[in-house]
Amino acid sequence: MALSADRPEKMVKSLEVKDLGYALYSDAKLDAARAFGIAFEVGTATRLAMRGFGIDLEDASGQDHHGLPVPSVFLVEKGGTIRWVYSNPDYKVRPENAALLEAARAAAKERDADTE
């Protein structure tokens, strides 16, 4: 599952990708981002620079909060326990697949140890 700060109408392009492989949901109000502690407000100078690149946060989200989530990955159990978090304000830097797989394996071992 993935969450986007865009409103549903703006997510259509992402949803047109065949076999996306995961569900994509809108968090335009940033309720989930705030709950996870990863929401931040974009300052005026940055918003103006973004507009220069054709990015309008208000239009994308349909909101006037001027916020975005820090790009993050959470490994969450079915019961809601968060087992691993990766957050990086640099949206270009993502965890390596091997690191994510190792984190998932470690979280599974930790979960299994908790249930023994």
PDB file of N, CA and C in Angstrom:
ATOM      1  N   MET A   1       0.839  -1.164   0.000  1.00  0.00           N
ATOM      2  CA  MET A   1       0.000   0.000   0.000  1.00  0.00           C
ATOM      3  C   MET A   1       0.891   1.237   0.000  1.00  0.00           C
ATOM      4  N   ALA A   2       0.448   2.277  -0.663  1.00  0.00           N
ATOM      5  CA  ALA A   2       1.174   3.542  -0.682  1.00  0.00           C
ATOM      6  C   ALA A   2       0.190   4.684  -0.467  1.00  0.00           C
ATOM      7  N   LEU A   3       0.671   5.744   0.154  1.00  0.00           N
ATOM      8  CA  LEU A   3      -0.126   6.947   0.369  1.00  0.00           C
ATOM      9  C   LEU A   3       0.500   8.087  -0.407  1.00  0.00           C
ATOM     10  N   SER A   4      -0.353   8.927  -0.973  1.00  0.00           N
ATOM     11  CA  SER A   4       0.095  10.088  -1.723  1.00  0.00           C
ATOM     12  C   SER A   4      -0.546  11.339  -1.139  1.00  0.00           C
ATOM     13  N   ALA A   5       0.185  12.445  -1.151  1.00  0.00           N
ATOM     14  CA  ALA A   5      -0.370  13.716  -0.693  1.00  0.00           C
ATOM     15  C   ALA A   5      -1.282  14.345  -1.737  1.00  0.00           C
ATOM     16  N   ASP A   6      -1.365  13.745  -2.922  1.00  0.00           N
ATOM     17  CA  ASP A   6      -2.239  14.259  -3.979  1.00  0.00           C
ATOM     18  C   ASP A   6      -3.687  13.840  -3.742  1.00  0.00           C
ATOM     19  N   ARG A   7      -4.595  14.681  -4.210  1.00  0.00           N
ATOM     20  CA  ARG A   7      -6.013  14.315  -4.148  1.00  0.00           C
ATOM     21  C   ARG A   7      -6.288  13.241  -5.200  1.00  0.00           C
ATOM     22  N   PRO A   8      -7.339  12.465  -5.008  1.00  0.00           N
ATOM     23  CA  PRO A   8      -7.596  11.343  -5.922  1.00  0.00           C
ATOM     24  C   PRO A   8      -7.605  11.727  -7.393  1.00  0.00           C
ATOM     25  N   GLU A   9      -8.175  12.878  -7.725  1.00  0.00           N
ATOM     26  CA  GLU A   9      -8.250  13.291  -9.124  1.00  0.00           C
ATOM     27  C   GLU A   9      -6.867  13.485  -9.748  1.00  0.00           C
ATOM     28  N   LYS A  10      -5.886  13.831  -8.932  1.00  0.00           N
ATOM     29  CA  LYS A  10      -4.524  14.056  -9.428  1.00  0.00           C
ATOM     30  C   LYS A  10      -3.711  12.766  -9.490  1.00  0.00           C
ATOM     31  N   MET A  11      -4.201  11.705  -8.883  1.00  0.00           N
ATOM     32  CA  MET A  11      -3.476  10.441  -8.846  1.00  0.00           C
ATOM     33  C   MET A  11      -3.788   9.544 -10.041  1.00  0.00           C
ATOM     34  N   VAL A  12      -4.651   9.989 -10.927  1.00  0.00           N
ATOM     35  CA  VAL A  12      -5.097   9.164 -12.046  1.00  0.00           C
ATOM     36  C   VAL A  12      -3.925   8.637 -12.874  1.00  0.00           C
ATOM     37  N   LYS A  13      -2.936   9.479 -13.157  1.00  0.00           N
ATOM     38  CA  LYS A  13      -1.788   9.034 -13.959  1.00  0.00           C
ATOM     39  C   LYS A  13      -1.073   7.862 -13.302  1.00  0.00           C
ATOM     40  N   SER A  14      -0.879   7.939 -11.999  1.00  0.00           N
ATOM     41  CA  SER A  14      -0.222   6.837 -11.283  1.00  0.00           C
ATOM     42  C   SER A  14      -1.060   5.572 -11.354  1.00  0.00           C
ATOM     43  N   LEU A  15      -2.356   5.730 -11.296  1.00  0.00           N
ATOM     44  CA  LEU A  15      -3.244   4.567 -11.306  1.00  0.00           C
ATOM     45  C   LEU A  15      -3.374   3.950 -12.694  1.00  0.00           C
ATOM     46  N   GLU A  16      -2.978   4.693 -13.734  1.00  0.00           N
ATOM     47  CA  GLU A  16      -3.056   4.168 -15.093  1.00  0.00           C
ATOM     48  C   GLU A  16      -1.919   3.192 -15.400  1.00  0.00           C
ATOM     49  N   VAL A  17      -0.913   3.157 -14.531  1.00  0.00           N
ATOM     50  CA  VAL A  17       0.200   2.231 -14.723  1.00  0.00           C
ATOM     51  C   VAL A  17      -0.341   0.813 -14.562  1.00  0.00           C
ATOM     52  N   LYS A  18      -0.105  -0.009 -15.570  1.00  0.00           N
ATOM     53  CA  LYS A  18      -0.590  -1.377 -15.506  1.00  0.00           C
ATOM     54  C   LYS A  18       0.197  -2.151 -14.463  1.00  0.00           C
ATOM     55  N   ASP A  19      -0.523  -2.956 -13.692  1.00  0.00           N
ATOM     56  CA  ASP A  19       0.080  -3.820 -12.685  1.00  0.00           C
ATOM     57  C   ASP A  19       0.977  -3.021 -11.743  1.00  0.00           C
ATOM     58  N   LEU A  20       0.398  -2.021 -11.111  1.00  0.00           N
ATOM     59  CA  LEU A  20       1.132  -1.187 -10.179  1.00  0.00           C
ATOM     60  C   LEU A  20       1.747  -2.035  -9.069  1.00  0.00           C
ATOM     61  N   GLY A  21       1.047  -3.087  -8.667  1.00  0.00           N
ATOM     62  CA  GLY A  21       1.586  -4.006  -7.671  1.00  0.00           C
ATOM     63  C   GLY A  21       1.236  -3.650  -6.235  1.00  0.00           C
ATOM     64  N   TYR A  22       0.560  -2.545  -6.034  1.00  0.00           N
ATOM     65  CA  TYR A  22       0.146  -2.147  -4.690  1.00  0.00           C
ATOM     66  C   TYR A  22      -1.035  -1.186  -4.804  1.00  0.00           C
ATOM     67  N   ALA A  23      -1.764  -1.046  -3.703  1.00  0.00           N
ATOM     68  CA  ALA A  23      -2.882  -0.103  -3.653  1.00  0.00           C
ATOM     69  C   ALA A  23      -2.336   1.294  -3.375  1.00  0.00           C
ATOM     70  N   LEU A  24      -2.893   2.301  -4.034  1.00  0.00           N
ATOM     71  CA  LEU A  24      -2.477   3.681  -3.862  1.00  0.00           C
ATOM     72  C   LEU A  24      -3.657   4.483  -3.328  1.00  0.00           C
ATOM     73  N   TYR A  25      -3.450   5.143  -2.193  1.00  0.00           N
ATOM     74  CA  TYR A  25      -4.508   5.904  -1.538  1.00  0.00           C
ATOM     75  C   TYR A  25      -4.106   7.367  -1.398  1.00  0.00           C
ATOM     76  N   SER A  26      -5.110   8.226  -1.355  1.00  0.00           N
ATOM     77  CA  SER A  26      -4.870   9.650  -1.178  1.00  0.00           C
ATOM     78  C   SER A  26      -4.856  10.011   0.304  1.00  0.00           C
ATOM     79  N   ASP A  27      -3.865  10.783   0.692  1.00  0.00           N
ATOM     80  CA  ASP A  27      -3.787  11.374   2.035  1.00  0.00           C
ATOM     81  C   ASP A  27      -3.654  12.879   1.870  1.00  0.00           C
ATOM     82  N   ALA A  28      -4.552  13.456   1.047  1.00  0.00           N
ATOM     83  CA  ALA A  28      -4.469  14.874   0.691  1.00  0.00           C
ATOM     84  C   ALA A  28      -4.550  15.794   1.907  1.00  0.00           C
ATOM     85  N   LYS A  29      -5.269  15.392   2.929  1.00  0.00           N
ATOM     86  CA  LYS A  29      -5.360  16.221   4.145  1.00  0.00           C
ATOM     87  C   LYS A  29      -4.177  15.993   5.078  1.00  0.00           C
ATOM     88  N   LEU A  30      -3.315  15.043   4.737  1.00  0.00           N
ATOM     89  CA  LEU A  30      -2.126  14.684   5.508  1.00  0.00           C
ATOM     90  C   LEU A  30      -2.450  14.123   6.887  1.00  0.00           C
ATOM     91  N   ASP A  31      -3.639  13.567   7.049  1.00  0.00           N
ATOM     92  CA  ASP A  31      -4.006  12.972   8.338  1.00  0.00           C
ATOM     93  C   ASP A  31      -3.064  11.824   8.699  1.00  0.00           C
ATOM     94  N   ALA A  32      -2.804  10.929   7.756  1.00  0.00           N
ATOM     95  CA  ALA A  32      -1.909   9.801   8.032  1.00  0.00           C
ATOM     96  C   ALA A  32      -0.480  10.299   8.240  1.00  0.00           C
ATOM     97  N   ALA A  33      -0.026  11.220   7.408  1.00  0.00           N
ATOM     98  CA  ALA A  33       1.336  11.752   7.551  1.00  0.00           C
ATOM     99  C   ALA A  33       1.526  12.384   8.922  1.00  0.00           C
ATOM    100  N   ARG A  34       0.530  13.108   9.385  1.00  0.00           N
ATOM    101  CA  ARG A  34       0.631  13.713  10.731  1.00  0.00           C
ATOM    102  C   ARG A  34       0.647  12.626  11.804  1.00  0.00           C
ATOM    103  N   ALA A  35      -0.216  11.622  11.648  1.00  0.00           N
ATOM    104  CA  ALA A  35      -0.275  10.539  12.630  1.00  0.00           C
ATOM    105  C   ALA A  35       1.051   9.783  12.704  1.00  0.00           C
ATOM    106  N   PHE A  36       1.727   9.626  11.572  1.00  0.00           N
ATOM    107  CA  PHE A  36       3.017   8.948  11.543  1.00  0.00           C
ATOM    108  C   PHE A  36       4.178   9.886  11.897  1.00  0.00           C
ATOM    109  N   GLY A  37       3.895  11.175  12.076  1.00  0.00           N
ATOM    110  CA  GLY A  37       4.931  12.124  12.460  1.00  0.00           C
ATOM    111  C   GLY A  37       5.871  12.508  11.335  1.00  0.00           C
ATOM    112  N   ILE A  38       5.389  12.442  10.087  1.00  0.00           N
ATOM    113  CA  ILE A  38       6.272  12.737   8.952  1.00  0.00           C
ATOM    114  C   ILE A  38       5.793  13.931   8.122  1.00  0.00           C
ATOM    115  N   ALA A  39       4.777  14.646   8.584  1.00  0.00           N
ATOM    116  CA  ALA A  39       4.268  15.808   7.838  1.00  0.00           C
ATOM    117  C   ALA A  39       5.119  17.037   8.161  1.00  0.00           C
ATOM    118  N   PHE A  40       5.321  17.876   7.159  1.00  0.00           N
ATOM    119  CA  PHE A  40       6.016  19.139   7.384  1.00  0.00           C
ATOM    120  C   PHE A  40       5.403  20.201   6.488  1.00  0.00           C
ATOM    121  N   GLU A  41       5.552  21.456   6.895  1.00  0.00           N
ATOM    122  CA  GLU A  41       5.020  22.570   6.107  1.00  0.00           C
ATOM    123  C   GLU A  41       6.111  23.084   5.173  1.00  0.00           C
ATOM    124  N   VAL A  42       5.721  23.311   3.932  1.00  0.00           N
ATOM    125  CA  VAL A  42       6.639  23.840   2.928  1.00  0.00           C
ATOM    126  C   VAL A  42       6.613  25.362   3.020  1.00  0.00           C
ATOM    127  N   GLY A  43       7.767  25.970   3.183  1.00  0.00           N
ATOM    128  CA  GLY A  43       7.858  27.420   3.316  1.00  0.00           C
ATOM    129  C   GLY A  43       7.519  28.155   2.027  1.00  0.00           C
ATOM    130  N   THR A  44       7.256  29.435   2.165  1.00  0.00           N
ATOM    131  CA  THR A  44       6.838  30.266   1.037  1.00  0.00           C
ATOM    132  C   THR A  44       7.860  30.267  -0.094  1.00  0.00           C
ATOM    133  N   ALA A  45       9.130  30.436   0.219  1.00  0.00           N
ATOM    134  CA  ALA A  45      10.161  30.490  -0.826  1.00  0.00           C
ATOM    135  C   ALA A  45      10.208  29.171  -1.601  1.00  0.00           C
ATOM    136  N   THR A  46      10.092  28.062  -0.892  1.00  0.00           N
ATOM    137  CA  THR A  46      10.123  26.758  -1.561  1.00  0.00           C
ATOM    138  C   THR A  46       8.875  26.564  -2.404  1.00  0.00           C
ATOM    139  N   ARG A  47       7.714  26.983  -1.888  1.00  0.00           N
ATOM    140  CA  ARG A  47       6.465  26.873  -2.675  1.00  0.00           C
ATOM    141  C   ARG A  47       6.565  27.675  -3.960  1.00  0.00           C
ATOM    142  N   LEU A  48       7.118  28.876  -3.883  1.00  0.00           N
ATOM    143  CA  LEU A  48       7.265  29.696  -5.088  1.00  0.00           C
ATOM    144  C   LEU A  48       8.239  29.048  -6.071  1.00  0.00           C
ATOM    145  N   ALA A  49       9.318  28.480  -5.562  1.00  0.00           N
ATOM    146  CA  ALA A  49      10.272  27.786  -6.442  1.00  0.00           C
ATOM    147  C   ALA A  49       9.603  26.577  -7.088  1.00  0.00           C
ATOM    148  N   MET A  50       8.805  25.856  -6.324  1.00  0.00           N
ATOM    149  CA  MET A  50       8.101  24.687  -6.875  1.00  0.00           C
ATOM    150  C   MET A  50       7.142  25.107  -7.980  1.00  0.00           C
ATOM    151  N   ARG A  51       6.454  26.218  -7.765  1.00  0.00           N
ATOM    152  CA  ARG A  51       5.535  26.710  -8.802  1.00  0.00           C
ATOM    153  C   ARG A  51       6.288  27.020 -10.089  1.00  0.00           C
ATOM    154  N   GLY A  52       7.523  27.482  -9.954  1.00  0.00           N
ATOM    155  CA  GLY A  52       8.353  27.743 -11.123  1.00  0.00           C
ATOM    156  C   GLY A  52       8.631  26.478 -11.928  1.00  0.00           C
ATOM    157  N   PHE A  53       8.544  25.335 -11.263  1.00  0.00           N
ATOM    158  CA  PHE A  53       8.718  24.038 -11.926  1.00  0.00           C
ATOM    159  C   PHE A  53       7.373  23.410 -12.284  1.00  0.00           C
ATOM    160  N   GLY A  54       6.282  24.191 -12.112  1.00  0.00           N
ATOM    161  CA  GLY A  54       4.956  23.682 -12.455  1.00  0.00           C
ATOM    162  C   GLY A  54       4.309  22.841 -11.375  1.00  0.00           C
ATOM    163  N   ILE A  55       4.805  22.923 -10.143  1.00  0.00           N
ATOM    164  CA  ILE A  55       4.240  22.150  -9.036  1.00  0.00           C
ATOM    165  C   ILE A  55       3.464  23.085  -8.126  1.00  0.00           C
ATOM    166  N   ASP A  56       2.169  22.866  -8.026  1.00  0.00           N
ATOM    167  CA  ASP A  56       1.298  23.677  -7.184  1.00  0.00           C
ATOM    168  C   ASP A  56       0.726  22.772  -6.097  1.00  0.00           C
ATOM    169  N   LEU A  57       1.232  22.903  -4.878  1.00  0.00           N
ATOM    170  CA  LEU A  57       0.800  22.031  -3.784  1.00  0.00           C
ATOM    171  C   LEU A  57      -0.694  22.142  -3.502  1.00  0.00           C
ATOM    172  N   GLU A  58      -1.226  23.354  -3.558  1.00  0.00           N
ATOM    173  CA  GLU A  58      -2.660  23.528  -3.294  1.00  0.00           C
ATOM    174  C   GLU A  58      -3.495  22.826  -4.352  1.00  0.00           C
ATOM    175  N   ASP A  59      -3.093  22.935  -5.601  1.00  0.00           N
ATOM    176  CA  ASP A  59      -3.826  22.269  -6.672  1.00  0.00           C
ATOM    177  C   ASP A  59      -3.693  20.752  -6.556  1.00  0.00           C
ATOM    178  N   ALA A  60      -2.491  20.286  -6.253  1.00  0.00           N
ATOM    179  CA  ALA A  60      -2.255  18.840  -6.174  1.00  0.00           C
ATOM    180  C   ALA A  60      -3.043  18.194  -5.048  1.00  0.00           C
ATOM    181  N   SER A  61      -3.084  18.842  -3.897  1.00  0.00           N
ATOM    182  CA  SER A  61      -3.760  18.245  -2.740  1.00  0.00           C
ATOM    183  C   SER A  61      -5.212  18.675  -2.607  1.00  0.00           C
ATOM    184  N   GLY A  62      -5.548  19.811  -3.202  1.00  0.00           N
ATOM    185  CA  GLY A  62      -6.889  20.345  -3.002  1.00  0.00           C
ATOM    186  C   GLY A  62      -7.053  20.976  -1.628  1.00  0.00           C
ATOM    187  N   GLN A  63      -5.944  21.202  -0.956  1.00  0.00           N
ATOM    188  CA  GLN A  63      -5.933  21.749   0.410  1.00  0.00           C
ATOM    189  C   GLN A  63      -5.061  23.000   0.452  1.00  0.00           C
ATOM    190  N   ASP A  64      -5.181  23.753   1.556  1.00  0.00           N
ATOM    191  CA  ASP A  64      -4.339  24.942   1.695  1.00  0.00           C
ATOM    192  C   ASP A  64      -3.342  24.804   2.856  1.00  0.00           C
ATOM    193  N   HIS A  65      -3.033  23.570   3.251  1.00  0.00           N
ATOM    194  CA  HIS A  65      -2.130  23.352   4.383  1.00  0.00           C
ATOM    195  C   HIS A  65      -0.658  23.532   4.027  1.00  0.00           C
ATOM    196  N   HIS A  66      -0.313  23.572   2.746  1.00  0.00           N
ATOM    197  CA  HIS A  66       1.073  23.740   2.288  1.00  0.00           C
ATOM    198  C   HIS A  66       2.011  22.699   2.888  1.00  0.00           C
ATOM    199  N   GLY A  67       1.493  21.497   3.045  1.00  0.00           N
ATOM    200  CA  GLY A  67       2.292  20.459   3.654  1.00  0.00           C
ATOM    201  C   GLY A  67       2.621  19.330   2.702  1.00  0.00           C
ATOM    202  N   LEU A  68       3.630  18.573   3.097  1.00  0.00           N
ATOM    203  CA  LEU A  68       4.033  17.361   2.391  1.00  0.00           C
ATOM    204  C   LEU A  68       4.487  16.342   3.431  1.00  0.00           C
ATOM    205  N   PRO A  69       4.476  15.084   3.073  1.00  0.00           N
ATOM    206  CA  PRO A  69       5.072  14.086   3.960  1.00  0.00           C
ATOM    207  C   PRO A  69       6.548  13.881   3.619  1.00  0.00           C
ATOM    208  N   VAL A  70       7.347  13.582   4.623  1.00  0.00           N
ATOM    209  CA  VAL A  70       8.718  13.151   4.364  1.00  0.00           C
ATOM    210  C   VAL A  70       8.603  11.776   3.715  1.00  0.00           C
ATOM    211  N   PRO A  71       9.266  11.545   2.578  1.00  0.00           N
ATOM    212  CA  PRO A  71       9.204  10.218   1.958  1.00  0.00           C
ATOM    213  C   PRO A  71       9.651   9.147   2.962  1.00  0.00           C
ATOM    214  N   SER A  72       8.803   8.160   3.163  1.00  0.00           N
ATOM    215  CA  SER A  72       9.045   7.163   4.207  1.00  0.00           C
ATOM    216  C   SER A  72       8.533   5.802   3.788  1.00  0.00           C
ATOM    217  N   VAL A  73       9.124   4.788   4.393  1.00  0.00           N
ATOM    218  CA  VAL A  73       8.671   3.413   4.230  1.00  0.00           C
ATOM    219  C   VAL A  73       8.450   2.861   5.631  1.00  0.00           C
ATOM    220  N   PHE A  74       7.279   2.259   5.840  1.00  0.00           N
ATOM    221  CA  PHE A  74       6.949   1.640   7.117  1.00  0.00           C
ATOM    222  C   PHE A  74       6.642   0.173   6.879  1.00  0.00           C
ATOM    223  N   LEU A  75       7.205  -0.696   7.701  1.00  0.00           N
ATOM    224  CA  LEU A  75       6.799  -2.096   7.710  1.00  0.00           C
ATOM    225  C   LEU A  75       5.848  -2.238   8.895  1.00  0.00           C
ATOM    226  N   VAL A  76       4.594  -2.546   8.575  1.00  0.00           N
ATOM    227  CA  VAL A  76       3.549  -2.586   9.598  1.00  0.00           C
ATOM    228  C   VAL A  76       2.901  -3.956   9.593  1.00  0.00           C
ATOM    229  N   GLU A  77       2.757  -4.535  10.768  1.00  0.00           N
ATOM    230  CA  GLU A  77       2.076  -5.821  10.884  1.00  0.00           C
ATOM    231  C   GLU A  77       0.576  -5.646  10.699  1.00  0.00           C
ATOM    232  N   LYS A  78      -0.104  -6.744  10.446  1.00  0.00           N
ATOM    233  CA  LYS A  78      -1.558  -6.701  10.288  1.00  0.00           C
ATOM    234  C   LYS A  78      -2.236  -6.077  11.501  1.00  0.00           C
ATOM    235  N   GLY A  79      -1.701  -6.307  12.690  1.00  0.00           N
ATOM    236  CA  GLY A  79      -2.284  -5.748  13.909  1.00  0.00           C
ATOM    237  C   GLY A  79      -1.975  -4.284  14.128  1.00  0.00           C
ATOM    238  N   GLY A  80      -1.115  -3.702  13.281  1.00  0.00           N
ATOM    239  CA  GLY A  80      -0.814  -2.278  13.370  1.00  0.00           C
ATOM    240  C   GLY A  80       0.523  -1.939  14.013  1.00  0.00           C
ATOM    241  N   THR A  81       1.260  -2.939  14.475  1.00  0.00           N
ATOM    242  CA  THR A  81       2.564  -2.670  15.071  1.00  0.00           C
ATOM    243  C   THR A  81       3.570  -2.300  13.985  1.00  0.00           C
ATOM    244  N   ILE A  82       4.211  -1.160  14.168  1.00  0.00           N
ATOM    245  CA  ILE A  82       5.242  -0.721  13.225  1.00  0.00           C
ATOM    246  C   ILE A  82       6.540  -1.423  13.613  1.00  0.00           C
ATOM    247  N   ARG A  83       7.106  -2.180  12.669  1.00  0.00           N
ATOM    248  CA  ARG A  83       8.314  -2.945  12.933  1.00  0.00           C
ATOM    249  C   ARG A  83       9.577  -2.296  12.389  1.00  0.00           C
ATOM    250  N   TRP A  84       9.440  -1.389  11.403  1.00  0.00           N
ATOM    251  CA  TRP A  84      10.620  -0.773  10.805  1.00  0.00           C
ATOM    252  C   TRP A  84      10.196   0.495  10.094  1.00  0.00           C
ATOM    253  N   VAL A  85      11.047   1.513  10.163  1.00  0.00           N
ATOM    254  CA  VAL A  85      10.767   2.797   9.507  1.00  0.00           C
ATOM    255  C   VAL A  85      12.022   3.286   8.801  1.00  0.00           C
ATOM    256  N   TYR A  86      11.830   3.771   7.596  1.00  0.00           N
ATOM    257  CA  TYR A  86      12.882   4.469   6.869  1.00  0.00           C
ATOM    258  C   TYR A  86      12.287   5.793   6.415  1.00  0.00           C
ATOM    259  N   SER A  87      12.882   6.907   6.818  1.00  0.00           N
ATOM    260  CA  SER A  87      12.444   8.232   6.383  1.00  0.00           C
ATOM    261  C   SER A  87      13.662   9.024   5.946  1.00  0.00           C
ATOM    262  N   ASN A  88      13.500   9.759   4.852  1.00  0.00           N
ATOM    263  CA  ASN A  88      14.592  10.594   4.360  1.00  0.00           C
ATOM    264  C   ASN A  88      13.976  11.794   3.657  1.00  0.00           C
ATOM    265  N   PRO A  89      14.277  13.004   4.119  1.00  0.00           N
ATOM    266  CA  PRO A  89      13.706  14.187   3.478  1.00  0.00           C
ATOM    267  C   PRO A  89      14.120  14.363   2.023  1.00  0.00           C
ATOM    268  N   ASP A  90      15.192  13.695   1.609  1.00  0.00           N
ATOM    269  CA  ASP A  90      15.613  13.755   0.212  1.00  0.00           C
ATOM    270  C   ASP A  90      14.837  12.689  -0.564  1.00  0.00           C
ATOM    271  N   TYR A  91      13.817  13.117  -1.291  1.00  0.00           N
ATOM    272  CA  TYR A  91      12.935  12.179  -1.982  1.00  0.00           C
ATOM    273  C   TYR A  91      13.654  11.335  -3.026  1.00  0.00           C
ATOM    274  N   LYS A  92      14.858  11.746  -3.410  1.00  0.00           N
ATOM    275  CA  LYS A  92      15.611  10.989  -4.406  1.00  0.00           C
ATOM    276  C   LYS A  92      16.316   9.775  -3.799  1.00  0.00           C
ATOM    277  N   VAL A  93      16.453   9.762  -2.485  1.00  0.00           N
ATOM    278  CA  VAL A  93      17.147   8.673  -1.797  1.00  0.00           C
ATOM    279  C   VAL A  93      16.113   7.721  -1.211  1.00  0.00           C
ATOM    280  N   ARG A  94      16.143   6.509  -1.670  1.00  0.00           N
ATOM    281  CA  ARG A  94      15.205   5.474  -1.212  1.00  0.00           C
ATOM    282  C   ARG A  94      16.003   4.296  -0.673  1.00  0.00           C
ATOM    283  N   PRO A  95      15.395   3.510   0.209  1.00  0.00           N
ATOM    284  CA  PRO A  95      16.140   2.348   0.705  1.00  0.00           C
ATOM    285  C   PRO A  95      16.380   1.344  -0.421  1.00  0.00           C
ATOM    286  N   GLU A  96      17.522   0.709  -0.371  1.00  0.00           N
ATOM    287  CA  GLU A  96      17.835  -0.340  -1.338  1.00  0.00           C
ATOM    288  C   GLU A  96      16.885  -1.509  -1.116  1.00  0.00           C
ATOM    289  N   ASN A  97      16.547  -2.216  -2.186  1.00  0.00           N
ATOM    290  CA  ASN A  97      15.658  -3.373  -2.068  1.00  0.00           C
ATOM    291  C   ASN A  97      16.198  -4.391  -1.073  1.00  0.00           C
ATOM    292  N   ALA A  98      17.509  -4.622  -1.099  1.00  0.00           N
ATOM    293  CA  ALA A  98      18.112  -5.592  -0.189  1.00  0.00           C
ATOM    294  C   ALA A  98      17.946  -5.160   1.266  1.00  0.00           C
ATOM    295  N   ALA A  99      18.080  -3.869   1.533  1.00  0.00           N
ATOM    296  CA  ALA A  99      17.908  -3.364   2.897  1.00  0.00           C
ATOM    297  C   ALA A  99      16.466  -3.530   3.362  1.00  0.00           C
ATOM    298  N   LEU A 100      15.532  -3.269   2.461  1.00  0.00           N
ATOM    299  CA  LEU A 100      14.118  -3.431   2.800  1.00  0.00           C
ATOM    300  C   LEU A 100      13.788  -4.901   3.067  1.00  0.00           C
ATOM    301  N   LEU A 101      14.311  -5.783   2.250  1.00  0.00           N
ATOM    302  CA  LEU A 101      14.081  -7.215   2.439  1.00  0.00           C
ATOM    303  C   LEU A 101      14.681  -7.683   3.761  1.00  0.00           C
ATOM    304  N   GLU A 102      15.887  -7.229   4.052  1.00  0.00           N
ATOM    305  CA  GLU A 102      16.524  -7.601   5.324  1.00  0.00           C
ATOM    306  C   GLU A 102      15.720  -7.074   6.512  1.00  0.00           C
ATOM    307  N   ALA A 103      15.208  -5.850   6.405  1.00  0.00           N
ATOM    308  CA  ALA A 103      14.384  -5.287   7.473  1.00  0.00           C
ATOM    309  C   ALA A 103      13.108  -6.108   7.660  1.00  0.00           C
ATOM    310  N   ALA A 104      12.514  -6.548   6.563  1.00  0.00           N
ATOM    311  CA  ALA A 104      11.306  -7.372   6.650  1.00  0.00           C
ATOM    312  C   ALA A 104      11.605  -8.702   7.322  1.00  0.00           C
ATOM    313  N   ARG A 105      12.731  -9.299   6.974  1.00  0.00           N
ATOM    314  CA  ARG A 105      13.125 -10.574   7.602  1.00  0.00           C
ATOM    315  C   ARG A 105      13.381 -10.374   9.099  1.00  0.00           C
ATOM    316  N   ALA A 106      14.085  -9.315   9.447  1.00  0.00           N
ATOM    317  CA  ALA A 106      14.372  -9.034  10.853  1.00  0.00           C
ATOM    318  C   ALA A 106      13.080  -8.752  11.626  1.00  0.00           C
ATOM    319  N   ALA A 107      12.157  -8.015  11.013  1.00  0.00           N
ATOM    320  CA  ALA A 107      10.878  -7.726  11.664  1.00  0.00           C
ATOM    321  C   ALA A 107      10.081  -9.003  11.882  1.00  0.00           C
ATOM    322  N   ALA A 108      10.124  -9.917  10.919  1.00  0.00           N
ATOM    323  CA  ALA A 108       9.422 -11.192  11.060  1.00  0.00           C
ATOM    324  C   ALA A 108      10.021 -12.007  12.203  1.00  0.00           C
ATOM    325  N   LYS A 109      11.345 -12.023  12.300  1.00  0.00           N
ATOM    326  CA  LYS A 109      12.000 -12.744  13.401  1.00  0.00           C
ATOM    327  C   LYS A 109      11.627 -12.120  14.736  1.00  0.00           C
ATOM    328  N   GLU A 110      11.624 -10.796  14.795  1.00  0.00           N
ATOM    329  CA  GLU A 110      11.267 -10.087  16.028  1.00  0.00           C
ATOM    330  C   GLU A 110       9.825 -10.402  16.418  1.00  0.00           C
ATOM    331  N   ARG A 111       8.946 -10.388  15.427  1.00  0.00           N
ATOM    332  CA  ARG A 111       7.539 -10.715  15.683  1.00  0.00           C
ATOM    333  C   ARG A 111       7.410 -12.132  16.210  1.00  0.00           C
ATOM    334  N   ASP A 112       8.107 -13.071  15.574  1.00  0.00           N
ATOM    335  CA  ASP A 112       8.049 -14.455  16.012  1.00  0.00           C
ATOM    336  C   ASP A 112       8.576 -14.621  17.426  1.00  0.00           C
ATOM    337  N   ALA A 113       9.641 -13.889  17.765  1.00  0.00           N
ATOM    338  CA  ALA A 113      10.200 -13.945  19.122  1.00  0.00           C
ATOM    339  C   ALA A 113       9.217 -13.371  20.140  1.00  0.00           C
ATOM    340  N   ASP A 114       8.467 -12.335  19.748  1.00  0.00           N
ATOM    341  CA  ASP A 114       7.474 -11.728  20.633  1.00  0.00           C
ATOM    342  C   ASP A 114       6.319 -12.662  20.929  1.00  0.00           C
ATOM    343  N   THR A 115       6.022 -13.579  20.015  1.00  0.00           N
ATOM    344  CA  THR A 115       4.866 -14.473  20.191  1.00  0.00           C
ATOM    345  C   THR A 115       5.229 -15.788  20.856  1.00  0.00           C
ATOM    346  N   GLU A 116       6.521 -16.025  21.103  1.00  0.00           N
ATOM    347  CA  GLU A 116       6.933 -17.283  21.751  1.00  0.00           C
ATOM    348  C   GLU A 116       6.671 -17.248  23.215  1.00  0.00           C
TER     349      GLU A 116
END
